[in-house]
């Protein structure tokens, strides 16, 4: 019996209209969709009248789920993996699953689509020919600073994911590491409150403080930095 394949399906990062025809077709065609958070993914499935059953899959339950997933693939069933938003595995669960399936000879196929990383980079106005994606930085200030200093030396555009509660701290750290910089804050991309702010890190700190952002943090941020060497 031919084994099933795993589709890595990209989903909208905000606006539910940002999904490909192919992604919808795949999600409708498979018997099960592995989802980071079924409560989030069900909203998308309802929007497009997709009746496929959702199964919770996260890094935390990988060991418990992997044999069940392989069992379904061995039966010839195709499966789809989605994260809460955007392209799975990009600072989201899925790496352990894909790595193990690839090693064991299963077919893994990409259904490309939205990614906050690429969306932010494309409208940032910063150089895009070379860039470095650091995802979410370590929580330790010392480790964060060492990491930033290391990559700022290269002079390329740096892309970081950051939570609203930590974005001001990150801006202070950027200013400390390289006071001459062009920094972009891309917030809530494709959503109603989408906003893109550009300036030196110190200027963006002042702007957010004027908005009382410290006491009312909100949004999902992609932070892009081009150090001036």
C-alpha atoms as a PDB file:
ATOM      1  CA  UNK A   1       0.000   0.000   0.000  1.00  0.00           C
ATOM      2  CA  UNK A   2       1.279   3.464  -0.902  1.00  0.00           C
ATOM      3  CA  UNK A   3       1.878   5.625   2.143  1.00  0.00           C
ATOM      4  CA  UNK A   4       0.095   8.929   2.624  1.00  0.00           C
ATOM      5  CA  UNK A   5       1.876  12.263   2.558  1.00  0.00           C
ATOM      6  CA  UNK A   6       1.954  15.197   4.966  1.00  0.00           C
ATOM      7  CA  UNK A   7       1.020  18.602   3.556  1.00  0.00           C
ATOM      8  CA  UNK A   8       2.486  21.669   5.260  1.00  0.00           C
ATOM      9  CA  UNK A   9      -0.300  24.190   4.686  1.00  0.00           C
ATOM     10  CA  UNK A  10       0.197  27.936   5.101  1.00  0.00           C
ATOM     11  CA  UNK A  11      -2.810  29.820   6.477  1.00  0.00           C
ATOM     12  CA  UNK A  12      -3.657  33.530   6.874  1.00  0.00           C
ATOM     13  CA  UNK A  13      -1.663  35.664   9.311  1.00  0.00           C
ATOM     14  CA  UNK A  14      -4.694  37.832  10.035  1.00  0.00           C
ATOM     15  CA  UNK A  15      -7.133  38.488   7.221  1.00  0.00           C
ATOM     16  CA  UNK A  16      -8.910  35.190   6.568  1.00  0.00           C
ATOM     17  CA  UNK A  17      -9.144  36.053   2.871  1.00  0.00           C
ATOM     18  CA  UNK A  18      -5.414  35.515   2.497  1.00  0.00           C
ATOM     19  CA  UNK A  19      -5.442  31.822   1.680  1.00  0.00           C
ATOM     20  CA  UNK A  20      -4.748  30.067  -1.601  1.00  0.00           C
ATOM     21  CA  UNK A  21      -7.309  28.032  -3.541  1.00  0.00           C
ATOM     22  CA  UNK A  22      -4.954  25.077  -3.322  1.00  0.00           C
ATOM     23  CA  UNK A  23      -4.708  25.341   0.473  1.00  0.00           C
ATOM     24  CA  UNK A  24      -8.497  25.227   0.799  1.00  0.00           C
ATOM     25  CA  UNK A  25      -8.685  22.260  -1.574  1.00  0.00           C
ATOM     26  CA  UNK A  26      -6.050  20.347   0.386  1.00  0.00           C
ATOM     27  CA  UNK A  27      -7.706  21.060   3.740  1.00  0.00           C
ATOM     28  CA  UNK A  28     -10.983  19.773   2.330  1.00  0.00           C
ATOM     29  CA  UNK A  29      -9.424  16.678   0.794  1.00  0.00           C
ATOM     30  CA  UNK A  30      -7.567  15.246   3.792  1.00  0.00           C
ATOM     31  CA  UNK A  31      -9.363  13.292   6.543  1.00  0.00           C
ATOM     32  CA  UNK A  32      -7.446  14.985   9.368  1.00  0.00           C
ATOM     33  CA  UNK A  33      -5.758  18.354   9.938  1.00  0.00           C
ATOM     34  CA  UNK A  34      -3.038  18.578  12.583  1.00  0.00           C
ATOM     35  CA  UNK A  35      -3.433  21.975  14.247  1.00  0.00           C
ATOM     36  CA  UNK A  36      -1.323  23.900  16.756  1.00  0.00           C
ATOM     37  CA  UNK A  37      -4.502  25.160  18.458  1.00  0.00           C
ATOM     38  CA  UNK A  38      -7.777  23.646  17.278  1.00  0.00           C
ATOM     39  CA  UNK A  39      -9.703  26.583  18.758  1.00  0.00           C
ATOM     40  CA  UNK A  40      -7.924  28.940  16.361  1.00  0.00           C
ATOM     41  CA  UNK A  41      -7.908  26.693  13.293  1.00  0.00           C
ATOM     42  CA  UNK A  42     -11.624  25.930  13.534  1.00  0.00           C
ATOM     43  CA  UNK A  43     -12.358  29.593  12.716  1.00  0.00           C
ATOM     44  CA  UNK A  44     -10.651  29.211   9.353  1.00  0.00           C
ATOM     45  CA  UNK A  45     -12.323  25.896   8.622  1.00  0.00           C
ATOM     46  CA  UNK A  46     -15.748  27.352   9.380  1.00  0.00           C
ATOM     47  CA  UNK A  47     -15.048  30.341   7.129  1.00  0.00           C
ATOM     48  CA  UNK A  48     -14.426  28.048   4.138  1.00  0.00           C
ATOM     49  CA  UNK A  49     -16.952  25.354   5.106  1.00  0.00           C
ATOM     50  CA  UNK A  50     -14.245  22.761   5.599  1.00  0.00           C
ATOM     51  CA  UNK A  51     -15.597  19.735   7.452  1.00  0.00           C
ATOM     52  CA  UNK A  52     -12.232  18.042   8.075  1.00  0.00           C
ATOM     53  CA  UNK A  53     -11.573  16.807  11.601  1.00  0.00           C
ATOM     54  CA  UNK A  54      -8.976  18.735  13.597  1.00  0.00           C
ATOM     55  CA  UNK A  55      -6.369  16.974  15.741  1.00  0.00           C
ATOM     56  CA  UNK A  56      -4.249  18.860  18.261  1.00  0.00           C
ATOM     57  CA  UNK A  57      -0.540  18.661  17.448  1.00  0.00           C
ATOM     58  CA  UNK A  58       2.115  20.712  19.270  1.00  0.00           C
ATOM     59  CA  UNK A  59       5.758  20.258  20.163  1.00  0.00           C
ATOM     60  CA  UNK A  60       4.624  19.401  23.683  1.00  0.00           C
ATOM     61  CA  UNK A  61       2.603  16.354  22.565  1.00  0.00           C
ATOM     62  CA  UNK A  62       4.923  15.230  19.757  1.00  0.00           C
ATOM     63  CA  UNK A  63       6.048  12.027  21.452  1.00  0.00           C
ATOM     64  CA  UNK A  64       2.460  11.028  22.157  1.00  0.00           C
ATOM     65  CA  UNK A  65       1.222  11.867  18.645  1.00  0.00           C
ATOM     66  CA  UNK A  66       4.015  10.785  16.309  1.00  0.00           C
ATOM     67  CA  UNK A  67       3.147   7.063  16.235  1.00  0.00           C
ATOM     68  CA  UNK A  68      -0.546   7.841  15.674  1.00  0.00           C
ATOM     69  CA  UNK A  69       0.396  10.147  12.796  1.00  0.00           C
ATOM     70  CA  UNK A  70       2.657   7.539  11.174  1.00  0.00           C
ATOM     71  CA  UNK A  71      -0.061   4.921  11.605  1.00  0.00           C
ATOM     72  CA  UNK A  72      -2.473   7.081   9.592  1.00  0.00           C
ATOM     73  CA  UNK A  73       0.130   7.743   6.912  1.00  0.00           C
ATOM     74  CA  UNK A  74       0.906   4.019   6.710  1.00  0.00           C
ATOM     75  CA  UNK A  75      -2.787   3.418   6.028  1.00  0.00           C
ATOM     76  CA  UNK A  76      -2.426   5.610   2.924  1.00  0.00           C
ATOM     77  CA  UNK A  77      -4.146   8.638   4.450  1.00  0.00           C
ATOM     78  CA  UNK A  78      -2.884  12.103   3.554  1.00  0.00           C
ATOM     79  CA  UNK A  79      -2.669  14.609   6.422  1.00  0.00           C
ATOM     80  CA  UNK A  80      -2.267  18.378   6.662  1.00  0.00           C
ATOM     81  CA  UNK A  81      -0.367  20.399   9.258  1.00  0.00           C
ATOM     82  CA  UNK A  82      -1.329  24.004  10.074  1.00  0.00           C
ATOM     83  CA  UNK A  83      -0.209  26.451  12.735  1.00  0.00           C
ATOM     84  CA  UNK A  84      -2.328  29.204  14.282  1.00  0.00           C
ATOM     85  CA  UNK A  85      -1.318  31.527  11.456  1.00  0.00           C
ATOM     86  CA  UNK A  86       1.155  31.771   8.610  1.00  0.00           C
ATOM     87  CA  UNK A  87       3.585  29.094   7.484  1.00  0.00           C
ATOM     88  CA  UNK A  88       4.044  26.160   9.895  1.00  0.00           C
ATOM     89  CA  UNK A  89       7.513  25.559  11.391  1.00  0.00           C
ATOM     90  CA  UNK A  90       8.539  29.243  11.034  1.00  0.00           C
ATOM     91  CA  UNK A  91       8.778  29.940  14.774  1.00  0.00           C
ATOM     92  CA  UNK A  92       5.851  27.533  15.104  1.00  0.00           C
ATOM     93  CA  UNK A  93       5.497  23.793  15.830  1.00  0.00           C
ATOM     94  CA  UNK A  94       6.263  21.150  13.244  1.00  0.00           C
ATOM     95  CA  UNK A  95      10.031  20.809  12.951  1.00  0.00           C
ATOM     96  CA  UNK A  96      10.223  17.621  15.046  1.00  0.00           C
ATOM     97  CA  UNK A  97       7.440  16.037  13.011  1.00  0.00           C
ATOM     98  CA  UNK A  98       8.832  16.944   9.594  1.00  0.00           C
ATOM     99  CA  UNK A  99      12.362  15.908  10.522  1.00  0.00           C
ATOM    100  CA  UNK A 100      11.263  12.495  11.768  1.00  0.00           C
ATOM    101  CA  UNK A 101       8.986  11.807   8.809  1.00  0.00           C
ATOM    102  CA  UNK A 102      11.651  12.849   6.288  1.00  0.00           C
ATOM    103  CA  UNK A 103      14.249  10.601   7.933  1.00  0.00           C
ATOM    104  CA  UNK A 104      11.843   7.665   7.713  1.00  0.00           C
ATOM    105  CA  UNK A 105      11.076   8.239   4.047  1.00  0.00           C
ATOM    106  CA  UNK A 106       7.607   9.781   4.210  1.00  0.00           C
ATOM    107  CA  UNK A 107       6.682  12.435   1.642  1.00  0.00           C
ATOM    108  CA  UNK A 108       6.258  15.970   3.010  1.00  0.00           C
ATOM    109  CA  UNK A 109       4.859  18.555   0.597  1.00  0.00           C
ATOM    110  CA  UNK A 110       4.631  22.328   0.965  1.00  0.00           C
ATOM    111  CA  UNK A 111       1.432  24.251   0.242  1.00  0.00           C
ATOM    112  CA  UNK A 112       2.967  27.751   0.334  1.00  0.00           C
ATOM    113  CA  UNK A 113       1.249  30.931   1.375  1.00  0.00           C
ATOM    114  CA  UNK A 114       1.338  33.744   3.966  1.00  0.00           C
ATOM    115  CA  UNK A 115       4.256  34.368   6.306  1.00  0.00           C
ATOM    116  CA  UNK A 116       4.533  37.366   8.637  1.00  0.00           C
ATOM    117  CA  UNK A 117       8.296  37.339   8.093  1.00  0.00           C
ATOM    118  CA  UNK A 118       8.066  37.817   4.319  1.00  0.00           C
ATOM    119  CA  UNK A 119       5.055  40.134   4.474  1.00  0.00           C
ATOM    120  CA  UNK A 120       6.862  42.510   6.840  1.00  0.00           C
ATOM    121  CA  UNK A 121      10.124  42.372   4.914  1.00  0.00           C
ATOM    122  CA  UNK A 122       8.412  43.176   1.614  1.00  0.00           C
ATOM    123  CA  UNK A 123       6.940  46.466   2.891  1.00  0.00           C
ATOM    124  CA  UNK A 124       9.736  47.515   5.264  1.00  0.00           C
ATOM    125  CA  UNK A 125      11.769  49.579   2.827  1.00  0.00           C
ATOM    126  CA  UNK A 126      14.901  47.863   4.140  1.00  0.00           C
ATOM    127  CA  UNK A 127      17.305  45.860   1.941  1.00  0.00           C
ATOM    128  CA  UNK A 128      15.812  42.478   1.055  1.00  0.00           C
ATOM    129  CA  UNK A 129      18.589  40.926  -1.039  1.00  0.00           C
ATOM    130  CA  UNK A 130      20.097  39.492   2.143  1.00  0.00           C
ATOM    131  CA  UNK A 131      18.440  39.221   5.537  1.00  0.00           C
ATOM    132  CA  UNK A 132      18.817  37.263   8.767  1.00  0.00           C
ATOM    133  CA  UNK A 133      15.773  35.851  10.548  1.00  0.00           C
ATOM    134  CA  UNK A 134      16.267  35.349  14.287  1.00  0.00           C
ATOM    135  CA  UNK A 135      12.685  34.442  15.198  1.00  0.00           C
ATOM    136  CA  UNK A 136      11.948  34.927  18.893  1.00  0.00           C
ATOM    137  CA  UNK A 137      15.057  35.914  20.840  1.00  0.00           C
ATOM    138  CA  UNK A 138      16.120  34.233  24.111  1.00  0.00           C
ATOM    139  CA  UNK A 139      14.541  35.646  27.271  1.00  0.00           C
ATOM    140  CA  UNK A 140      17.888  36.379  28.892  1.00  0.00           C
ATOM    141  CA  UNK A 141      18.959  39.995  28.279  1.00  0.00           C
ATOM    142  CA  UNK A 142      22.602  38.910  28.180  1.00  0.00           C
ATOM    143  CA  UNK A 143      21.937  36.268  25.515  1.00  0.00           C
ATOM    144  CA  UNK A 144      19.747  38.651  23.516  1.00  0.00           C
ATOM    145  CA  UNK A 145      22.439  41.317  23.519  1.00  0.00           C
ATOM    146  CA  UNK A 146      25.204  38.908  22.471  1.00  0.00           C
ATOM    147  CA  UNK A 147      23.044  37.566  19.650  1.00  0.00           C
ATOM    148  CA  UNK A 148      22.180  41.032  18.348  1.00  0.00           C
ATOM    149  CA  UNK A 149      25.777  42.271  18.521  1.00  0.00           C
ATOM    150  CA  UNK A 150      26.948  39.200  16.637  1.00  0.00           C
ATOM    151  CA  UNK A 151      24.570  39.667  13.721  1.00  0.00           C
ATOM    152  CA  UNK A 152      24.592  43.463  13.642  1.00  0.00           C
ATOM    153  CA  UNK A 153      28.280  43.218  12.729  1.00  0.00           C
ATOM    154  CA  UNK A 154      27.283  41.682   9.389  1.00  0.00           C
ATOM    155  CA  UNK A 155      25.305  44.774   8.388  1.00  0.00           C
ATOM    156  CA  UNK A 156      22.368  42.858   6.899  1.00  0.00           C
ATOM    157  CA  UNK A 157      18.688  43.400   7.640  1.00  0.00           C
ATOM    158  CA  UNK A 158      17.713  41.561  10.825  1.00  0.00           C
ATOM    159  CA  UNK A 159      14.158  40.233  11.295  1.00  0.00           C
ATOM    160  CA  UNK A 160      12.804  39.361  14.745  1.00  0.00           C
ATOM    161  CA  UNK A 161       9.429  38.257  16.137  1.00  0.00           C
ATOM    162  CA  UNK A 162       8.497  39.935  19.414  1.00  0.00           C
ATOM    163  CA  UNK A 163       5.566  40.083  21.817  1.00  0.00           C
ATOM    164  CA  UNK A 164       3.979  43.446  22.703  1.00  0.00           C
ATOM    165  CA  UNK A 165       5.093  43.087  26.332  1.00  0.00           C
ATOM    166  CA  UNK A 166       8.760  42.867  25.320  1.00  0.00           C
ATOM    167  CA  UNK A 167       8.966  45.082  22.253  1.00  0.00           C
ATOM    168  CA  UNK A 168      10.047  48.213  24.168  1.00  0.00           C
ATOM    169  CA  UNK A 169      12.810  46.277  25.902  1.00  0.00           C
ATOM    170  CA  UNK A 170      13.952  45.036  22.506  1.00  0.00           C
ATOM    171  CA  UNK A 171      14.049  48.573  21.103  1.00  0.00           C
ATOM    172  CA  UNK A 172      16.185  49.706  24.047  1.00  0.00           C
ATOM    173  CA  UNK A 173      18.539  46.797  23.419  1.00  0.00           C
ATOM    174  CA  UNK A 174      18.772  47.620  19.700  1.00  0.00           C
ATOM    175  CA  UNK A 175      19.630  51.240  20.546  1.00  0.00           C
ATOM    176  CA  UNK A 176      22.262  50.044  23.019  1.00  0.00           C
ATOM    177  CA  UNK A 177      23.880  47.719  20.479  1.00  0.00           C
ATOM    178  CA  UNK A 178      23.756  50.055  17.487  1.00  0.00           C
ATOM    179  CA  UNK A 179      22.554  53.611  18.069  1.00  0.00           C
ATOM    180  CA  UNK A 180      22.680  54.385  14.336  1.00  0.00           C
ATOM    181  CA  UNK A 181      20.027  52.187  12.792  1.00  0.00           C
ATOM    182  CA  UNK A 182      16.849  52.068  10.769  1.00  0.00           C
ATOM    183  CA  UNK A 183      14.200  50.075  12.620  1.00  0.00           C
ATOM    184  CA  UNK A 184      10.764  49.019  11.422  1.00  0.00           C
ATOM    185  CA  UNK A 185       7.895  47.865  13.614  1.00  0.00           C
ATOM    186  CA  UNK A 186       5.291  45.949  11.606  1.00  0.00           C
ATOM    187  CA  UNK A 187       2.263  45.419  13.842  1.00  0.00           C
ATOM    188  CA  UNK A 188      -0.861  43.309  13.283  1.00  0.00           C
ATOM    189  CA  UNK A 189      -0.155  42.705   9.591  1.00  0.00           C
ATOM    190  CA  UNK A 190      -3.276  42.213   7.423  1.00  0.00           C
ATOM    191  CA  UNK A 191      -5.528  42.992  10.408  1.00  0.00           C
ATOM    192  CA  UNK A 192      -7.709  46.068  11.004  1.00  0.00           C
ATOM    193  CA  UNK A 193      -5.056  47.640  13.269  1.00  0.00           C
ATOM    194  CA  UNK A 194      -2.163  47.034  10.870  1.00  0.00           C
ATOM    195  CA  UNK A 195       0.562  49.636  11.283  1.00  0.00           C
ATOM    196  CA  UNK A 196       4.135  50.031  10.090  1.00  0.00           C
ATOM    197  CA  UNK A 197       6.418  52.423  11.994  1.00  0.00           C
ATOM    198  CA  UNK A 198       9.867  53.407  10.725  1.00  0.00           C
ATOM    199  CA  UNK A 199      12.687  55.311  12.403  1.00  0.00           C
ATOM    200  CA  UNK A 200      15.694  54.860  14.644  1.00  0.00           C
ATOM    201  CA  UNK A 201      15.013  52.615  17.629  1.00  0.00           C
ATOM    202  CA  UNK A 202      15.249  55.549  20.034  1.00  0.00           C
ATOM    203  CA  UNK A 203      12.619  57.426  18.019  1.00  0.00           C
ATOM    204  CA  UNK A 204      10.237  54.479  18.082  1.00  0.00           C
ATOM    205  CA  UNK A 205      10.684  54.167  21.851  1.00  0.00           C
ATOM    206  CA  UNK A 206       9.600  57.783  22.239  1.00  0.00           C
ATOM    207  CA  UNK A 207       6.646  57.288  19.895  1.00  0.00           C
ATOM    208  CA  UNK A 208       5.355  54.244  21.786  1.00  0.00           C
ATOM    209  CA  UNK A 209       5.788  55.951  25.146  1.00  0.00           C
ATOM    210  CA  UNK A 210       3.757  58.921  23.906  1.00  0.00           C
ATOM    211  CA  UNK A 211       0.966  56.430  23.213  1.00  0.00           C
ATOM    212  CA  UNK A 212       1.236  55.007  26.756  1.00  0.00           C
ATOM    213  CA  UNK A 213       2.156  51.694  25.154  1.00  0.00           C
ATOM    214  CA  UNK A 214       3.925  50.480  28.307  1.00  0.00           C
ATOM    215  CA  UNK A 215       0.628  50.351  30.178  1.00  0.00           C
ATOM    216  CA  UNK A 216      -1.435  49.139  27.223  1.00  0.00           C
ATOM    217  CA  UNK A 217       0.716  46.736  25.168  1.00  0.00           C
ATOM    218  CA  UNK A 218      -1.079  45.096  22.266  1.00  0.00           C
ATOM    219  CA  UNK A 219      -0.446  43.653  18.816  1.00  0.00           C
ATOM    220  CA  UNK A 220       1.846  41.110  17.239  1.00  0.00           C
ATOM    221  CA  UNK A 221       5.176  42.526  16.092  1.00  0.00           C
ATOM    222  CA  UNK A 222       7.715  41.812  13.418  1.00  0.00           C
ATOM    223  CA  UNK A 223      10.769  43.951  14.167  1.00  0.00           C
ATOM    224  CA  UNK A 224      13.235  44.679  11.360  1.00  0.00           C
ATOM    225  CA  UNK A 225      16.575  46.396  11.875  1.00  0.00           C
ATOM    226  CA  UNK A 226      19.241  47.638   9.489  1.00  0.00           C
ATOM    227  CA  UNK A 227      22.337  48.735  11.456  1.00  0.00           C
ATOM    228  CA  UNK A 228      24.313  51.629  10.040  1.00  0.00           C
ATOM    229  CA  UNK A 229      27.948  50.577  10.035  1.00  0.00           C
END
